[in-house]
Amino acid sequence: MKMRNIGQSLAATALLALCGVQLSAAEIPAAAPKAYPEGELGRMVKLGEAIMNETDTHPLTKEYVGNKLKCKNCHLQGSDGKPGTAPGIATWIGTATAFPAYSKREKSVQTLQDRSNNCFMRSMNGKRIPVDSEASVAMATYITWLSTGMPIKQNTKMPCSPMNSDRWMGGAKHFARIQKKATHANYVNGHKLYEAKCASCHGKNGEGMGTFPPLWGKDKSGQWLAYNTGAGMSKLNKGAAWVKSNMPLGQGGTLSDQESADIMLYVDAQPRASFDLQKRLPPKCEMGIYNSKVLKEKHSVRSNFKQFGLDVDKIRGDHKIK
């Protein structure tokens, strides 16, 4: 095993232990399968991989994306260079083994395609992609390929990889307790930490730099750059858990819990698109029946803070958030 793989596996082991999950480094997959399948199946795996790398510009998905993000921005590339194979929270390795899985948010059993397609409404700030489209099938094919050889273990609690479910659940609860105690001082500290540890990649104003993704705000044409308030990263606890696991890039696990919480308190207090589920769903004639028992859902920066008993005006120290 290469030294980088060893380091990633050890970091992942430490993060799992933080949430009460004990795995040895040898038990944590570090890369995708070495060979693509033959024929049409292999073509679809490669197409899905390309979409994950080029989501906002790929001809099959760009019309459904409303920002400047790509799937690989959250589902990071591993040592093999493939999206979703980094060992931190949001790895796709093992994900397909959990589906179909129950989702508390949708209050229904979700397929892998449901899970991926719903991300277009939230993290991609766009419209839900049709479930029977070539792009939808290709993305699911790529993610399924990453679970080659792993046993099926459907998830009865959340639509999430067995590699991530305990980390998400444990991390979300852990950081919720921290964020509920947040004050303006934490916001100020988060700003300082962002400028010191994040701005060189993501920009002073969250606009993104080169290949590094934007985190908030609009471009010169008025288009939102990053995820909206319905995305997991917009939730103060989940965003902090992701940052703790993955950032700074290649140094996941090096920030303290409070540093991770303060950084995301600052980032998620910045302007971003609000989420209204009804406005994100295309007409049923285009996509079939939306697989959810929840048909109305709205979020804003203000409501996301209120969820933790926080007033975003007091946290920021101003009244700039509508």
C-alpha atoms as a PDB file:
ATOM      1  CA  MET A   1       0.000   0.000   0.000  1.00  0.00           C
ATOM      2  CA  LYS A   2       1.293   3.445  -0.926  1.00  0.00           C
ATOM      3  CA  MET A   3       2.158   5.849   1.886  1.00  0.00           C
ATOM      4  CA  ARG A   4      -0.707   8.175   0.909  1.00  0.00           C
ATOM      5  CA  ASN A   5      -3.181   5.287   1.152  1.00  0.00           C
ATOM      6  CA  ILE A   6      -1.805   4.356   4.571  1.00  0.00           C
ATOM      7  CA  GLY A   7      -2.201   7.923   5.781  1.00  0.00           C
ATOM      8  CA  GLN A   8      -5.765   8.152   4.466  1.00  0.00           C
ATOM      9  CA  SER A   9      -6.727   4.836   6.045  1.00  0.00           C
ATOM     10  CA  LEU A  10      -5.260   5.808   9.409  1.00  0.00           C
ATOM     11  CA  ALA A  11      -7.077   9.147   9.288  1.00  0.00           C
ATOM     12  CA  ALA A  12     -10.335   7.377   8.471  1.00  0.00           C
ATOM     13  CA  THR A  13      -9.790   4.909  11.320  1.00  0.00           C
ATOM     14  CA  ALA A  14      -9.293   7.762  13.768  1.00  0.00           C
ATOM     15  CA  LEU A  15     -12.444   9.502  12.575  1.00  0.00           C
ATOM     16  CA  LEU A  16     -14.478   6.319  12.854  1.00  0.00           C
ATOM     17  CA  ALA A  17     -13.197   5.804  16.390  1.00  0.00           C
ATOM     18  CA  LEU A  18     -14.293   9.354  17.278  1.00  0.00           C
ATOM     19  CA  CYS A  19     -17.870   8.274  16.562  1.00  0.00           C
ATOM     20  CA  GLY A  20     -17.549   4.924  18.323  1.00  0.00           C
ATOM     21  CA  VAL A  21     -16.845   2.798  15.236  1.00  0.00           C
ATOM     22  CA  GLN A  22     -13.842   0.503  15.530  1.00  0.00           C
ATOM     23  CA  LEU A  23     -12.276  -0.638  12.225  1.00  0.00           C
ATOM     24  CA  SER A  24      -8.694  -1.453  11.376  1.00  0.00           C
ATOM     25  CA  ALA A  25      -6.991   0.419   8.542  1.00  0.00           C
ATOM     26  CA  ALA A  26      -6.968  -2.808   6.529  1.00  0.00           C
ATOM     27  CA  GLU A  27     -10.779  -2.955   6.657  1.00  0.00           C
ATOM     28  CA  ILE A  28     -11.234   0.455   5.030  1.00  0.00           C
ATOM     29  CA  PRO A  29     -11.208   0.296   1.201  1.00  0.00           C
ATOM     30  CA  ALA A  30      -8.826   2.895  -0.216  1.00  0.00           C
ATOM     31  CA  ALA A  31      -9.590   2.763  -3.929  1.00  0.00           C
ATOM     32  CA  ALA A  32     -12.027   1.783  -6.648  1.00  0.00           C
ATOM     33  CA  PRO A  33     -11.770  -1.590  -8.432  1.00  0.00           C
ATOM     34  CA  LYS A  34      -8.724  -1.713 -10.712  1.00  0.00           C
ATOM     35  CA  ALA A  35     -10.570  -2.627 -13.909  1.00  0.00           C
ATOM     36  CA  TYR A  36     -13.738  -1.292 -15.532  1.00  0.00           C
ATOM     37  CA  PRO A  37     -16.411  -3.798 -16.574  1.00  0.00           C
ATOM     38  CA  GLU A  38     -16.458  -4.810 -20.229  1.00  0.00           C
ATOM     39  CA  GLY A  39     -18.872  -3.598 -22.890  1.00  0.00           C
ATOM     40  CA  GLU A  40     -21.864  -1.320 -22.323  1.00  0.00           C
ATOM     41  CA  LEU A  41     -21.684  -1.685 -18.550  1.00  0.00           C
ATOM     42  CA  GLY A  42     -18.131  -0.386 -18.579  1.00  0.00           C
ATOM     43  CA  ARG A  43     -19.183   2.528 -20.774  1.00  0.00           C
ATOM     44  CA  MET A  44     -21.862   3.485 -18.261  1.00  0.00           C
ATOM     45  CA  VAL A  45     -19.410   3.295 -15.344  1.00  0.00           C
ATOM     46  CA  LYS A  46     -17.045   5.611 -17.223  1.00  0.00           C
ATOM     47  CA  LEU A  47     -19.924   7.944 -18.127  1.00  0.00           C
ATOM     48  CA  GLY A  48     -21.026   8.123 -14.499  1.00  0.00           C
ATOM     49  CA  GLU A  49     -17.470   8.892 -13.434  1.00  0.00           C
ATOM     50  CA  ALA A  50     -17.231  11.676 -16.023  1.00  0.00           C
ATOM     51  CA  ILE A  51     -20.496  13.206 -14.795  1.00  0.00           C
ATOM     52  CA  MET A  52     -19.246  13.176 -11.203  1.00  0.00           C
ATOM     53  CA  ASN A  53     -16.142  15.062 -12.339  1.00  0.00           C
ATOM     54  CA  GLU A  54     -17.895  17.561 -14.627  1.00  0.00           C
ATOM     55  CA  THR A  55     -21.440  17.837 -13.244  1.00  0.00           C
ATOM     56  CA  ASP A  56     -22.034  21.552 -13.862  1.00  0.00           C
ATOM     57  CA  THR A  57     -20.623  21.444 -17.402  1.00  0.00           C
ATOM     58  CA  HIS A  58     -21.378  17.898 -18.590  1.00  0.00           C
ATOM     59  CA  PRO A  59     -23.915  17.960 -21.472  1.00  0.00           C
ATOM     60  CA  LEU A  60     -26.169  15.382 -19.767  1.00  0.00           C
ATOM     61  CA  THR A  61     -26.441  17.210 -16.427  1.00  0.00           C
ATOM     62  CA  LYS A  62     -25.589  20.901 -16.816  1.00  0.00           C
ATOM     63  CA  GLU A  63     -29.219  21.952 -17.386  1.00  0.00           C
ATOM     64  CA  TYR A  64     -30.151  20.517 -13.968  1.00  0.00           C
ATOM     65  CA  VAL A  65     -27.351  22.313 -12.069  1.00  0.00           C
ATOM     66  CA  GLY A  66     -27.902  25.817 -10.698  1.00  0.00           C
ATOM     67  CA  ASN A  67     -24.448  26.603  -9.321  1.00  0.00           C
ATOM     68  CA  LYS A  68     -20.731  26.039  -9.972  1.00  0.00           C
ATOM     69  CA  LEU A  69     -20.334  22.755  -8.120  1.00  0.00           C
ATOM     70  CA  LYS A  70     -19.493  19.223  -9.184  1.00  0.00           C
ATOM     71  CA  CYS A  71     -20.256  15.976  -7.346  1.00  0.00           C
ATOM     72  CA  LYS A  72     -16.547  15.481  -6.651  1.00  0.00           C
ATOM     73  CA  ASN A  73     -16.454  18.693  -4.598  1.00  0.00           C
ATOM     74  CA  CYS A  74     -18.144  16.896  -1.689  1.00  0.00           C
ATOM     75  CA  HIS A  75     -17.365  13.300  -2.678  1.00  0.00           C
ATOM     76  CA  LEU A  76     -13.619  13.784  -2.803  1.00  0.00           C
ATOM     77  CA  GLN A  77     -11.146  12.032  -5.037  1.00  0.00           C
ATOM     78  CA  GLY A  78      -9.042   9.355  -3.380  1.00  0.00           C
ATOM     79  CA  SER A  79      -5.450   8.355  -4.029  1.00  0.00           C
ATOM     80  CA  ASP A  80      -6.644   6.656  -7.234  1.00  0.00           C
ATOM     81  CA  GLY A  81      -7.898  10.009  -8.566  1.00  0.00           C
ATOM     82  CA  LYS A  82     -11.517   8.854  -8.776  1.00  0.00           C
ATOM     83  CA  PRO A  83     -14.424  10.832  -7.282  1.00  0.00           C
ATOM     84  CA  GLY A  84     -15.923   9.445  -4.094  1.00  0.00           C
ATOM     85  CA  THR A  85     -13.021   7.193  -3.083  1.00  0.00           C
ATOM     86  CA  ALA A  86     -11.395   9.402  -0.414  1.00  0.00           C
ATOM     87  CA  PRO A  87     -11.869   7.733   2.998  1.00  0.00           C
ATOM     88  CA  GLY A  88     -13.503  10.665   4.775  1.00  0.00           C
ATOM     89  CA  ILE A  89     -17.212  11.287   5.296  1.00  0.00           C
ATOM     90  CA  ALA A  90     -18.976  11.214   1.896  1.00  0.00           C
ATOM     91  CA  THR A  91     -16.995   8.329   0.424  1.00  0.00           C
ATOM     92  CA  TRP A  92     -19.042   6.375  -2.127  1.00  0.00           C
ATOM     93  CA  ILE A  93     -17.237   3.130  -1.439  1.00  0.00           C
ATOM     94  CA  GLY A  94     -19.854   0.791   0.028  1.00  0.00           C
ATOM     95  CA  THR A  95     -22.732   3.175  -0.660  1.00  0.00           C
ATOM     96  CA  ALA A  96     -24.581   0.903  -3.081  1.00  0.00           C
ATOM     97  CA  THR A  97     -24.685  -1.878  -0.479  1.00  0.00           C
ATOM     98  CA  ALA A  98     -27.070   0.187   1.675  1.00  0.00           C
ATOM     99  CA  PHE A  99     -29.821   0.621  -0.943  1.00  0.00           C
ATOM    100  CA  PRO A 100     -32.759   0.590  -1.147  1.00  0.00           C
ATOM    101  CA  ALA A 101     -32.720   2.353   2.228  1.00  0.00           C
ATOM    102  CA  TYR A 102     -35.181   4.214   4.428  1.00  0.00           C
ATOM    103  CA  SER A 103     -34.938   8.016   4.449  1.00  0.00           C
ATOM    104  CA  LYS A 104     -36.330   9.983   7.369  1.00  0.00           C
ATOM    105  CA  ARG A 105     -36.308  13.157   5.283  1.00  0.00           C
ATOM    106  CA  GLU A 106     -38.496  11.709   2.520  1.00  0.00           C
ATOM    107  CA  LYS A 107     -40.248   9.271   4.887  1.00  0.00           C
ATOM    108  CA  SER A 108     -39.946   6.587   2.221  1.00  0.00           C
ATOM    109  CA  VAL A 109     -37.624   3.858   1.023  1.00  0.00           C
ATOM    110  CA  GLN A 110     -35.191   5.470  -1.411  1.00  0.00           C
ATOM    111  CA  THR A 111     -33.249   3.923  -4.265  1.00  0.00           C
ATOM    112  CA  LEU A 112     -29.653   4.854  -5.022  1.00  0.00           C
ATOM    113  CA  GLN A 113     -30.911   6.890  -7.993  1.00  0.00           C
ATOM    114  CA  ASP A 114     -33.382   8.744  -5.768  1.00  0.00           C
ATOM    115  CA  ARG A 115     -30.558   9.677  -3.438  1.00  0.00           C
ATOM    116  CA  SER A 116     -28.279  10.960  -6.197  1.00  0.00           C
ATOM    117  CA  ASN A 117     -31.015  12.739  -8.131  1.00  0.00           C
ATOM    118  CA  ASN A 118     -32.295  14.542  -5.041  1.00  0.00           C
ATOM    119  CA  CYS A 119     -28.820  15.999  -4.577  1.00  0.00           C
ATOM    120  CA  PHE A 120     -29.349  18.055  -7.726  1.00  0.00           C
ATOM    121  CA  MET A 121     -32.137  19.935  -5.925  1.00  0.00           C
ATOM    122  CA  ARG A 122     -30.000  20.699  -2.895  1.00  0.00           C
ATOM    123  CA  SER A 123     -26.218  20.586  -3.181  1.00  0.00           C
ATOM    124  CA  MET A 124     -26.354  21.445  -6.893  1.00  0.00           C
ATOM    125  CA  ASN A 125     -29.030  24.148  -6.332  1.00  0.00           C
ATOM    126  CA  GLY A 126     -30.905  22.938  -9.408  1.00  0.00           C
ATOM    127  CA  LYS A 127     -33.732  20.677 -10.509  1.00  0.00           C
ATOM    128  CA  ARG A 128     -34.228  16.992  -9.815  1.00  0.00           C
ATOM    129  CA  ILE A 129     -32.824  14.970 -12.693  1.00  0.00           C
ATOM    130  CA  PRO A 130     -35.213  12.417 -14.297  1.00  0.00           C
ATOM    131  CA  VAL A 131     -34.800   9.023 -12.657  1.00  0.00           C
ATOM    132  CA  ASP A 132     -34.867   7.107 -15.952  1.00  0.00           C
ATOM    133  CA  SER A 133     -32.368   9.330 -17.765  1.00  0.00           C
ATOM    134  CA  GLU A 134     -29.021   8.041 -19.028  1.00  0.00           C
ATOM    135  CA  ALA A 135     -27.229  10.370 -16.607  1.00  0.00           C
ATOM    136  CA  SER A 136     -29.160   9.026 -13.614  1.00  0.00           C
ATOM    137  CA  VAL A 137     -28.439   5.409 -14.574  1.00  0.00           C
ATOM    138  CA  ALA A 138     -24.778   6.201 -15.260  1.00  0.00           C
ATOM    139  CA  MET A 139     -24.217   7.852 -11.872  1.00  0.00           C
ATOM    140  CA  ALA A 140     -25.826   4.923 -10.077  1.00  0.00           C
ATOM    141  CA  THR A 141     -23.745   2.500 -12.152  1.00  0.00           C
ATOM    142  CA  TYR A 142     -20.502   4.241 -11.185  1.00  0.00           C
ATOM    143  CA  ILE A 143     -21.380   4.347  -7.480  1.00  0.00           C
ATOM    144  CA  THR A 144     -22.451   0.697  -7.558  1.00  0.00           C
ATOM    145  CA  TRP A 145     -19.160  -0.277  -9.234  1.00  0.00           C
ATOM    146  CA  LEU A 146     -17.307   1.246  -6.274  1.00  0.00           C
ATOM    147  CA  SER A 147     -18.986  -1.336  -4.009  1.00  0.00           C
ATOM    148  CA  THR A 148     -17.816  -4.312  -6.063  1.00  0.00           C
ATOM    149  CA  GLY A 149     -17.318  -7.359  -3.841  1.00  0.00           C
ATOM    150  CA  MET A 150     -18.889  -5.802  -0.727  1.00  0.00           C
ATOM    151  CA  PRO A 151     -21.881  -7.532   0.915  1.00  0.00           C
ATOM    152  CA  ILE A 152     -25.373  -6.023   0.744  1.00  0.00           C
ATOM    153  CA  LYS A 153     -26.515  -4.561   4.055  1.00  0.00           C
ATOM    154  CA  GLN A 154     -29.572  -2.375   3.533  1.00  0.00           C
ATOM    155  CA  ASN A 155     -29.831   0.595   5.855  1.00  0.00           C
ATOM    156  CA  THR A 156     -33.078   0.811   7.848  1.00  0.00           C
ATOM    157  CA  LYS A 157     -32.280   4.235   9.336  1.00  0.00           C
ATOM    158  CA  MET A 158     -30.774   6.413   6.616  1.00  0.00           C
ATOM    159  CA  PRO A 159     -29.814   6.295   2.910  1.00  0.00           C
ATOM    160  CA  CYS A 160     -26.098   6.236   3.567  1.00  0.00           C
ATOM    161  CA  SER A 161     -23.037   4.059   3.060  1.00  0.00           C
ATOM    162  CA  PRO A 162     -22.155   1.717   5.954  1.00  0.00           C
ATOM    163  CA  MET A 163     -18.805   3.514   5.861  1.00  0.00           C
ATOM    164  CA  ASN A 164     -20.578   6.789   6.641  1.00  0.00           C
ATOM    165  CA  SER A 165     -23.806   6.106   8.532  1.00  0.00           C
ATOM    166  CA  ASP A 166     -22.331   5.956  12.033  1.00  0.00           C
ATOM    167  CA  ARG A 167     -19.982   8.836  11.272  1.00  0.00           C
ATOM    168  CA  TRP A 168     -22.864  10.964   9.992  1.00  0.00           C
ATOM    169  CA  MET A 169     -25.212  10.066  12.841  1.00  0.00           C
ATOM    170  CA  GLY A 170     -22.575  10.316  15.560  1.00  0.00           C
ATOM    171  CA  GLY A 171     -20.942  13.382  14.054  1.00  0.00           C
ATOM    172  CA  ALA A 172     -24.235  15.199  13.537  1.00  0.00           C
ATOM    173  CA  LYS A 173     -25.296  14.635  17.153  1.00  0.00           C
ATOM    174  CA  HIS A 174     -21.860  15.586  18.473  1.00  0.00           C
ATOM    175  CA  PHE A 175     -21.631  18.829  16.511  1.00  0.00           C
ATOM    176  CA  ALA A 176     -25.273  19.731  17.196  1.00  0.00           C
ATOM    177  CA  ARG A 177     -24.377  19.938  20.888  1.00  0.00           C
ATOM    178  CA  ILE A 178     -21.460  22.228  20.070  1.00  0.00           C
ATOM    179  CA  GLN A 179     -23.364  24.485  17.667  1.00  0.00           C
ATOM    180  CA  LYS A 180     -26.278  25.024  20.055  1.00  0.00           C
ATOM    181  CA  LYS A 181     -23.815  26.878  22.310  1.00  0.00           C
ATOM    182  CA  ALA A 182     -22.494  29.112  19.505  1.00  0.00           C
ATOM    183  CA  THR A 183     -22.103  32.856  20.030  1.00  0.00           C
ATOM    184  CA  HIS A 184     -20.903  35.840  18.006  1.00  0.00           C
ATOM    185  CA  ALA A 185     -17.397  35.099  19.337  1.00  0.00           C
ATOM    186  CA  ASN A 186     -17.483  31.710  17.603  1.00  0.00           C
ATOM    187  CA  TYR A 187     -18.505  33.428  14.362  1.00  0.00           C
ATOM    188  CA  VAL A 188     -15.588  35.863  14.662  1.00  0.00           C
ATOM    189  CA  ASN A 189     -13.226  32.965  15.357  1.00  0.00           C
ATOM    190  CA  GLY A 190     -14.685  31.061  12.411  1.00  0.00           C
ATOM    191  CA  HIS A 191     -13.961  34.056  10.174  1.00  0.00           C
ATOM    192  CA  LYS A 192     -10.344  34.165  11.351  1.00  0.00           C
ATOM    193  CA  LEU A 193      -9.922  30.423  10.861  1.00  0.00           C
ATOM    194  CA  TYR A 194     -11.501  30.607   7.408  1.00  0.00           C
ATOM    195  CA  GLU A 195      -9.076  33.312   6.299  1.00  0.00           C
ATOM    196  CA  ALA A 196      -6.115  31.369   7.721  1.00  0.00           C
ATOM    197  CA  LYS A 197      -7.007  27.844   6.602  1.00  0.00           C
ATOM    198  CA  CYS A 198      -9.639  28.033   3.845  1.00  0.00           C
ATOM    199  CA  ALA A 199      -9.497  31.280   1.859  1.00  0.00           C
ATOM    200  CA  SER A 200      -6.369  30.352  -0.121  1.00  0.00           C
ATOM    201  CA  CYS A 201      -8.410  27.617  -1.841  1.00  0.00           C
ATOM    202  CA  HIS A 202     -12.022  28.806  -1.578  1.00  0.00           C
ATOM    203  CA  GLY A 203     -11.496  32.563  -1.898  1.00  0.00           C
ATOM    204  CA  LYS A 204     -11.771  35.392   0.611  1.00  0.00           C
ATOM    205  CA  ASN A 205     -15.443  35.839  -0.257  1.00  0.00           C
ATOM    206  CA  GLY A 206     -16.254  32.161  -0.759  1.00  0.00           C
ATOM    207  CA  GLU A 207     -16.116  32.533  -4.545  1.00  0.00           C
ATOM    208  CA  GLY A 208     -13.809  29.564  -5.159  1.00  0.00           C
ATOM    209  CA  MET A 209     -10.296  29.608  -6.623  1.00  0.00           C
ATOM    210  CA  GLY A 210      -9.296  27.737  -9.765  1.00  0.00           C
ATOM    211  CA  THR A 211     -10.398  24.113  -9.387  1.00  0.00           C
ATOM    212  CA  PHE A 212     -11.401  24.643  -5.753  1.00  0.00           C
ATOM    213  CA  PRO A 213     -15.169  25.060  -5.286  1.00  0.00           C
ATOM    214  CA  PRO A 214     -17.117  28.128  -4.156  1.00  0.00           C
ATOM    215  CA  LEU A 215     -18.847  28.021  -0.774  1.00  0.00           C
ATOM    216  CA  TRP A 216     -21.356  30.897  -0.892  1.00  0.00           C
ATOM    217  CA  GLY A 217     -22.452  34.030  -2.714  1.00  0.00           C
ATOM    218  CA  LYS A 218     -23.211  34.919  -6.336  1.00  0.00           C
ATOM    219  CA  ASP A 219     -21.147  35.475  -9.469  1.00  0.00           C
ATOM    220  CA  LYS A 220     -21.133  38.715 -11.475  1.00  0.00           C
ATOM    221  CA  SER A 221     -24.219  37.618 -13.409  1.00  0.00           C
ATOM    222  CA  GLY A 222     -26.185  37.053 -10.200  1.00  0.00           C
ATOM    223  CA  GLN A 223     -26.076  33.240 -10.286  1.00  0.00           C
ATOM    224  CA  TRP A 224     -25.658  31.463  -6.972  1.00  0.00           C
ATOM    225  CA  LEU A 225     -22.274  29.774  -6.741  1.00  0.00           C
ATOM    226  CA  ALA A 226     -22.698  27.064  -4.105  1.00  0.00           C
ATOM    227  CA  TYR A 227     -25.109  24.725  -2.322  1.00  0.00           C
ATOM    228  CA  ASN A 228     -28.499  25.984  -1.138  1.00  0.00           C
ATOM    229  CA  THR A 229     -30.073  25.851   2.319  1.00  0.00           C
ATOM    230  CA  GLY A 230     -31.607  22.412   1.721  1.00  0.00           C
ATOM    231  CA  ALA A 231     -28.201  20.744   1.349  1.00  0.00           C
ATOM    232  CA  GLY A 232     -26.560  18.744   4.107  1.00  0.00           C
ATOM    233  CA  MET A 233     -23.563  21.082   4.078  1.00  0.00           C
ATOM    234  CA  SER A 234     -25.856  24.001   4.965  1.00  0.00           C
ATOM    235  CA  LYS A 235     -26.735  22.336   8.276  1.00  0.00           C
ATOM    236  CA  LEU A 236     -24.395  23.587  10.990  1.00  0.00           C
ATOM    237  CA  ASN A 237     -23.824  20.149  12.513  1.00  0.00           C
ATOM    238  CA  LYS A 238     -23.498  18.070   9.330  1.00  0.00           C
ATOM    239  CA  GLY A 239     -21.278  20.633   7.627  1.00  0.00           C
ATOM    240  CA  ALA A 240     -18.965  20.674  10.647  1.00  0.00           C
ATOM    241  CA  ALA A 241     -18.761  16.867  10.668  1.00  0.00           C
ATOM    242  CA  TRP A 242     -17.807  16.879   6.978  1.00  0.00           C
ATOM    243  CA  VAL A 243     -15.156  19.567   7.505  1.00  0.00           C
ATOM    244  CA  LYS A 244     -13.703  17.716  10.498  1.00  0.00           C
ATOM    245  CA  SER A 245     -13.392  14.582   8.363  1.00  0.00           C
ATOM    246  CA  ASN A 246     -12.096  16.094   5.119  1.00  0.00           C
ATOM    247  CA  MET A 247     -10.486  19.508   5.567  1.00  0.00           C
ATOM    248  CA  PRO A 248      -8.006  21.002   5.007  1.00  0.00           C
ATOM    249  CA  LEU A 249      -7.670  18.948   1.833  1.00  0.00           C
ATOM    250  CA  GLY A 250      -5.429  15.966   2.500  1.00  0.00           C
ATOM    251  CA  GLN A 251      -5.319  16.796   6.218  1.00  0.00           C
ATOM    252  CA  GLY A 252      -8.717  15.560   7.396  1.00  0.00           C
ATOM    253  CA  GLY A 253      -8.954  15.127  11.157  1.00  0.00           C
ATOM    254  CA  THR A 254      -6.387  17.822  11.970  1.00  0.00           C
ATOM    255  CA  LEU A 255      -8.883  20.546  12.929  1.00  0.00           C
ATOM    256  CA  SER A 256     -10.288  20.471  16.440  1.00  0.00           C
ATOM    257  CA  ASP A 257     -14.017  19.958  16.902  1.00  0.00           C
ATOM    258  CA  GLN A 258     -14.489  23.595  17.917  1.00  0.00           C
ATOM    259  CA  GLU A 259     -12.466  24.835  14.946  1.00  0.00           C
ATOM    260  CA  SER A 260     -14.567  22.744  12.557  1.00  0.00           C
ATOM    261  CA  ALA A 261     -17.771  24.017  14.181  1.00  0.00           C
ATOM    262  CA  ASP A 262     -16.694  27.659  14.091  1.00  0.00           C
ATOM    263  CA  ILE A 263     -15.611  27.500  10.447  1.00  0.00           C
ATOM    264  CA  MET A 264     -18.978  26.124   9.358  1.00  0.00           C
ATOM    265  CA  LEU A 265     -20.827  28.571  11.617  1.00  0.00           C
ATOM    266  CA  TYR A 266     -19.118  31.338   9.633  1.00  0.00           C
ATOM    267  CA  VAL A 267     -19.536  29.712   6.185  1.00  0.00           C
ATOM    268  CA  ASP A 268     -23.203  28.806   6.644  1.00  0.00           C
ATOM    269  CA  ALA A 269     -24.046  32.274   7.969  1.00  0.00           C
ATOM    270  CA  GLN A 270     -23.204  33.726   4.552  1.00  0.00           C
ATOM    271  CA  PRO A 271     -25.795  34.448   1.823  1.00  0.00           C
ATOM    272  CA  ARG A 272     -26.983  31.459  -0.216  1.00  0.00           C
ATOM    273  CA  ALA A 273     -30.074  30.356  -2.099  1.00  0.00           C
ATOM    274  CA  SER A 274     -33.111  29.351  -0.063  1.00  0.00           C
ATOM    275  CA  PHE A 275     -34.700  25.952  -0.652  1.00  0.00           C
ATOM    276  CA  ASP A 276     -38.321  25.334  -1.609  1.00  0.00           C
ATOM    277  CA  LEU A 277     -38.943  21.713  -2.602  1.00  0.00           C
ATOM    278  CA  GLN A 278     -41.915  22.524  -4.831  1.00  0.00           C
ATOM    279  CA  LYS A 279     -39.765  24.833  -6.960  1.00  0.00           C
ATOM    280  CA  ARG A 280     -37.070  22.175  -7.385  1.00  0.00           C
ATOM    281  CA  LEU A 281     -39.282  19.417  -8.771  1.00  0.00           C
ATOM    282  CA  PRO A 282     -39.867  19.339 -12.537  1.00  0.00           C
ATOM    283  CA  PRO A 283     -43.375  18.523 -13.822  1.00  0.00           C
ATOM    284  CA  LYS A 284     -44.410  14.947 -13.068  1.00  0.00           C
ATOM    285  CA  CYS A 285     -44.824  14.272 -16.769  1.00  0.00           C
ATOM    286  CA  GLU A 286     -41.067  14.707 -17.132  1.00  0.00           C
ATOM    287  CA  MET A 287     -39.881  12.628 -14.209  1.00  0.00           C
ATOM    288  CA  GLY A 288     -42.601  10.237 -13.108  1.00  0.00           C
ATOM    289  CA  ILE A 289     -43.786  10.143  -9.515  1.00  0.00           C
ATOM    290  CA  TYR A 290     -41.478  11.760  -6.958  1.00  0.00           C
ATOM    291  CA  ASN A 291     -40.638   9.022  -4.456  1.00  0.00           C
ATOM    292  CA  SER A 292     -41.391  10.871  -1.233  1.00  0.00           C
ATOM    293  CA  LYS A 293     -44.186  11.253   1.288  1.00  0.00           C
ATOM    294  CA  VAL A 294     -42.944  14.760   2.056  1.00  0.00           C
ATOM    295  CA  LEU A 295     -44.017  17.175  -0.677  1.00  0.00           C
ATOM    296  CA  LYS A 296     -43.509  20.503   1.092  1.00  0.00           C
ATOM    297  CA  GLU A 297     -40.170  21.575   2.551  1.00  0.00           C
ATOM    298  CA  LYS A 298     -38.571  25.019   2.893  1.00  0.00           C
ATOM    299  CA  HIS A 299     -35.268  26.212   4.367  1.00  0.00           C
ATOM    300  CA  SER A 300     -33.363  29.488   4.612  1.00  0.00           C
ATOM    301  CA  VAL A 301     -30.140  30.573   6.303  1.00  0.00           C
ATOM    302  CA  ARG A 302     -32.274  32.012   9.078  1.00  0.00           C
ATOM    303  CA  SER A 303     -34.337  28.835   9.595  1.00  0.00           C
ATOM    304  CA  ASN A 304     -31.219  26.645   9.512  1.00  0.00           C
ATOM    305  CA  PHE A 305     -29.785  28.639  12.424  1.00  0.00           C
ATOM    306  CA  LYS A 306     -33.104  28.637  14.247  1.00  0.00           C
ATOM    307  CA  GLN A 307     -33.023  24.834  14.125  1.00  0.00           C
ATOM    308  CA  PHE A 308     -30.211  25.023  16.692  1.00  0.00           C
ATOM    309  CA  GLY A 309     -31.837  27.749  18.764  1.00  0.00           C
ATOM    310  CA  LEU A 310     -29.634  30.436  17.192  1.00  0.00           C
ATOM    311  CA  ASP A 311     -30.473  33.891  15.843  1.00  0.00           C
ATOM    312  CA  VAL A 312     -28.323  34.475  12.774  1.00  0.00           C
ATOM    313  CA  ASP A 313     -28.421  38.249  13.345  1.00  0.00           C
ATOM    314  CA  LYS A 314     -26.884  37.860  16.811  1.00  0.00           C
ATOM    315  CA  ILE A 315     -24.387  35.303  15.549  1.00  0.00           C
ATOM    316  CA  ARG A 316     -23.231  37.569  12.704  1.00  0.00           C
ATOM    317  CA  GLY A 317     -23.577  40.807  14.660  1.00  0.00           C
ATOM    318  CA  ASP A 318     -25.569  42.475  11.862  1.00  0.00           C
ATOM    319  CA  HIS A 319     -28.847  42.213   9.943  1.00  0.00           C
ATOM    320  CA  LYS A 320     -27.630  41.342   6.454  1.00  0.00           C
ATOM    321  CA  ILE A 321     -29.341  37.973   6.134  1.00  0.00           C
ATOM    322  CA  LYS A 322     -32.913  38.203   4.875  1.00  0.00           C
END
